[in-house]
């Protein structure tokens, strides 16, 4: 196996990712993004999650979502 330089590896990965994404349908992309965001937000503290939701969508959405899950 040929050893790649860091730059070659980056370029190979970029090309491969482009091929993988090109072959995905919308449903597969949505599932991938959903899984990735879920993993990301699971690592947030409660306060970080609250801040993320409020900064992106406003305080009303955070409160609505908390109400939806049976919070205070």
N, C-alpha and C. Protein backbone atom coordinates (compact mmCIF):
# COMPACT_ATOMS: atom_id res chain seq x y z
N UNK A 1 0.85 -1.19 0.00
CA UNK A 1 0.00 0.00 0.00
C UNK A 1 0.90 1.25 0.00
N UNK A 2 0.56 2.19 -0.87
CA UNK A 2 1.32 3.43 -0.98
C UNK A 2 1.02 4.32 0.22
N UNK A 3 2.08 4.85 0.82
CA UNK A 3 1.88 5.81 1.91
C UNK A 3 1.55 7.16 1.33
N UNK A 4 0.56 7.78 1.92
CA UNK A 4 0.11 9.08 1.43
C UNK A 4 0.65 10.19 2.32
N UNK A 5 0.93 11.31 1.70
CA UNK A 5 1.25 12.49 2.50
C UNK A 5 -0.04 12.97 3.15
N UNK A 6 0.07 13.84 4.09
CA UNK A 6 -1.11 14.40 4.75
C UNK A 6 -2.02 15.09 3.74
N UNK A 7 -1.43 15.83 2.84
CA UNK A 7 -2.21 16.53 1.81
C UNK A 7 -2.90 15.54 0.88
N UNK A 8 -2.20 14.48 0.47
CA UNK A 8 -2.80 13.47 -0.39
C UNK A 8 -3.97 12.78 0.31
N UNK A 9 -3.77 12.48 1.57
CA UNK A 9 -4.84 11.82 2.33
C UNK A 9 -6.06 12.74 2.42
N UNK A 10 -5.84 14.01 2.71
CA UNK A 10 -6.94 14.98 2.77
C UNK A 10 -7.71 15.03 1.45
N UNK A 11 -6.96 15.06 0.34
CA UNK A 11 -7.59 15.11 -0.98
C UNK A 11 -8.34 13.83 -1.30
N UNK A 12 -7.76 12.68 -0.93
CA UNK A 12 -8.42 11.40 -1.14
C UNK A 12 -9.74 11.34 -0.37
N UNK A 13 -9.69 11.75 0.88
CA UNK A 13 -10.90 11.76 1.71
C UNK A 13 -11.94 12.69 1.13
N UNK A 14 -11.52 13.87 0.71
CA UNK A 14 -12.46 14.83 0.12
C UNK A 14 -13.15 14.23 -1.10
N UNK A 15 -12.39 13.60 -1.98
CA UNK A 15 -12.97 12.98 -3.17
C UNK A 15 -13.91 11.83 -2.81
N UNK A 16 -13.50 11.00 -1.86
CA UNK A 16 -14.33 9.86 -1.46
C UNK A 16 -15.63 10.32 -0.82
N UNK A 17 -15.54 11.31 0.06
CA UNK A 17 -16.74 11.85 0.71
C UNK A 17 -17.70 12.40 -0.33
N UNK A 18 -17.18 13.09 -1.32
CA UNK A 18 -18.02 13.62 -2.39
C UNK A 18 -18.76 12.48 -3.11
N UNK A 19 -18.07 11.39 -3.38
CA UNK A 19 -18.71 10.24 -4.02
C UNK A 19 -19.79 9.62 -3.14
N UNK A 20 -19.47 9.48 -1.85
CA UNK A 20 -20.44 8.89 -0.91
C UNK A 20 -21.69 9.76 -0.83
N UNK A 21 -21.50 11.07 -0.69
CA UNK A 21 -22.63 11.99 -0.59
C UNK A 21 -23.44 12.00 -1.88
N UNK A 22 -22.75 11.98 -3.01
CA UNK A 22 -23.45 11.97 -4.30
C UNK A 22 -24.35 10.74 -4.44
N UNK A 23 -23.98 9.65 -3.79
CA UNK A 23 -24.74 8.41 -3.89
C UNK A 23 -25.82 8.28 -2.81
N UNK A 24 -25.93 9.25 -1.93
CA UNK A 24 -26.95 9.21 -0.88
C UNK A 24 -28.25 9.82 -1.38
N UNK A 25 -29.36 9.22 -0.97
CA UNK A 25 -30.65 9.86 -1.23
C UNK A 25 -30.96 10.79 -0.07
N UNK A 26 -31.99 11.58 -0.22
CA UNK A 26 -32.34 12.58 0.79
C UNK A 26 -32.64 11.93 2.14
N UNK A 27 -33.34 10.82 2.13
CA UNK A 27 -33.69 10.14 3.39
C UNK A 27 -32.43 9.69 4.13
N UNK A 28 -31.45 9.16 3.41
CA UNK A 28 -30.20 8.73 4.03
C UNK A 28 -29.43 9.93 4.57
N UNK A 29 -29.39 11.02 3.80
CA UNK A 29 -28.71 12.23 4.27
C UNK A 29 -29.37 12.76 5.54
N UNK A 30 -30.70 12.79 5.54
CA UNK A 30 -31.41 13.30 6.71
C UNK A 30 -31.13 12.44 7.93
N UNK A 31 -31.07 11.12 7.76
CA UNK A 31 -30.78 10.24 8.89
C UNK A 31 -29.37 10.46 9.40
N UNK A 32 -28.43 10.63 8.49
CA UNK A 32 -27.04 10.87 8.87
C UNK A 32 -26.91 12.17 9.66
N UNK A 33 -27.54 13.23 9.16
CA UNK A 33 -27.49 14.52 9.83
C UNK A 33 -28.19 14.45 11.18
N UNK A 34 -29.33 13.77 11.24
CA UNK A 34 -30.07 13.61 12.49
C UNK A 34 -29.21 12.89 13.53
N UNK A 35 -28.57 11.80 13.13
CA UNK A 35 -27.72 11.05 14.05
C UNK A 35 -26.55 11.89 14.53
N UNK A 36 -25.92 12.63 13.60
CA UNK A 36 -24.77 13.45 13.94
C UNK A 36 -25.15 14.57 14.91
N UNK A 37 -26.25 15.26 14.63
CA UNK A 37 -26.69 16.34 15.52
C UNK A 37 -27.12 15.80 16.88
N UNK A 38 -27.78 14.65 16.89
CA UNK A 38 -28.18 14.04 18.16
C UNK A 38 -26.95 13.72 19.01
N UNK A 39 -25.93 13.14 18.40
CA UNK A 39 -24.69 12.85 19.12
C UNK A 39 -24.05 14.14 19.64
N UNK A 40 -24.04 15.17 18.81
CA UNK A 40 -23.47 16.45 19.21
C UNK A 40 -24.20 17.03 20.42
N UNK A 41 -25.53 17.11 20.32
CA UNK A 41 -26.31 17.73 21.39
C UNK A 41 -26.35 16.89 22.66
N UNK A 42 -26.16 15.59 22.55
CA UNK A 42 -26.08 14.74 23.74
C UNK A 42 -24.87 15.08 24.59
N UNK A 43 -23.83 15.63 23.96
CA UNK A 43 -22.63 16.02 24.69
C UNK A 43 -22.75 17.38 25.37
N UNK A 44 -23.82 18.12 25.06
CA UNK A 44 -24.03 19.44 25.66
C UNK A 44 -24.58 19.30 27.08
N UNK A 45 -24.19 20.23 27.94
CA UNK A 45 -24.84 20.32 29.25
C UNK A 45 -26.24 20.88 29.02
N UNK A 46 -27.10 20.81 30.04
CA UNK A 46 -28.45 21.37 29.92
C UNK A 46 -28.40 22.85 29.57
N UNK A 47 -27.48 23.58 30.20
CA UNK A 47 -27.36 25.02 29.96
C UNK A 47 -26.87 25.29 28.53
N UNK A 48 -25.90 24.52 28.06
CA UNK A 48 -25.41 24.69 26.69
C UNK A 48 -26.52 24.40 25.67
N UNK A 49 -27.32 23.37 25.94
CA UNK A 49 -28.41 23.03 25.04
C UNK A 49 -29.46 24.15 25.02
N UNK A 50 -29.78 24.66 26.19
CA UNK A 50 -30.73 25.78 26.30
C UNK A 50 -30.20 26.98 25.51
N UNK A 51 -28.94 27.32 25.71
CA UNK A 51 -28.34 28.45 25.00
C UNK A 51 -28.36 28.24 23.49
N UNK A 52 -28.04 27.01 23.04
CA UNK A 52 -28.04 26.71 21.61
C UNK A 52 -29.42 26.94 21.02
N UNK A 53 -30.44 26.41 21.67
CA UNK A 53 -31.81 26.53 21.15
C UNK A 53 -32.24 27.99 21.15
N UNK A 54 -31.98 28.69 22.25
CA UNK A 54 -32.41 30.09 22.35
C UNK A 54 -31.67 30.99 21.36
N UNK A 55 -30.38 30.76 21.17
CA UNK A 55 -29.60 31.59 20.24
C UNK A 55 -30.03 31.36 18.80
N UNK A 56 -30.43 30.14 18.49
CA UNK A 56 -30.79 29.80 17.12
C UNK A 56 -32.25 30.08 16.81
N UNK A 57 -33.13 29.82 17.80
CA UNK A 57 -34.57 29.88 17.51
C UNK A 57 -35.37 30.74 18.49
N UNK A 58 -34.72 31.28 19.50
CA UNK A 58 -35.42 32.15 20.45
C UNK A 58 -35.90 31.41 21.69
N UNK A 59 -36.17 32.18 22.72
CA UNK A 59 -36.58 31.62 24.01
C UNK A 59 -37.90 30.87 23.93
N UNK A 60 -38.80 31.33 23.08
CA UNK A 60 -40.12 30.70 23.00
C UNK A 60 -40.02 29.23 22.61
N UNK A 61 -39.13 28.90 21.68
CA UNK A 61 -39.02 27.52 21.24
C UNK A 61 -38.49 26.64 22.37
N UNK A 62 -37.49 27.13 23.10
CA UNK A 62 -36.96 26.33 24.21
C UNK A 62 -38.07 26.00 25.19
N UNK A 63 -38.83 27.01 25.58
CA UNK A 63 -39.91 26.79 26.55
C UNK A 63 -40.95 25.84 26.00
N UNK A 64 -41.28 25.96 24.72
CA UNK A 64 -42.25 25.07 24.09
C UNK A 64 -41.76 23.63 24.09
N UNK A 65 -40.49 23.43 23.76
CA UNK A 65 -39.93 22.09 23.74
C UNK A 65 -39.88 21.48 25.14
N UNK A 66 -39.54 22.29 26.12
CA UNK A 66 -39.54 21.80 27.51
C UNK A 66 -40.95 21.38 27.91
N UNK A 67 -41.94 22.19 27.57
CA UNK A 67 -43.34 21.83 27.85
C UNK A 67 -43.73 20.51 27.16
N UNK A 68 -43.25 20.33 25.93
CA UNK A 68 -43.56 19.12 25.17
C UNK A 68 -43.03 17.85 25.81
N UNK A 69 -41.90 17.97 26.49
CA UNK A 69 -41.30 16.77 27.11
C UNK A 69 -41.70 16.65 28.58
N UNK A 70 -42.61 17.49 29.03
CA UNK A 70 -43.12 17.37 30.39
C UNK A 70 -42.26 18.02 31.45
N UNK A 71 -41.45 19.00 31.04
CA UNK A 71 -40.63 19.71 32.02
C UNK A 71 -41.43 20.76 32.75
N UNK A 72 -40.75 21.46 33.65
CA UNK A 72 -41.42 22.51 34.44
C UNK A 72 -41.71 23.73 33.63
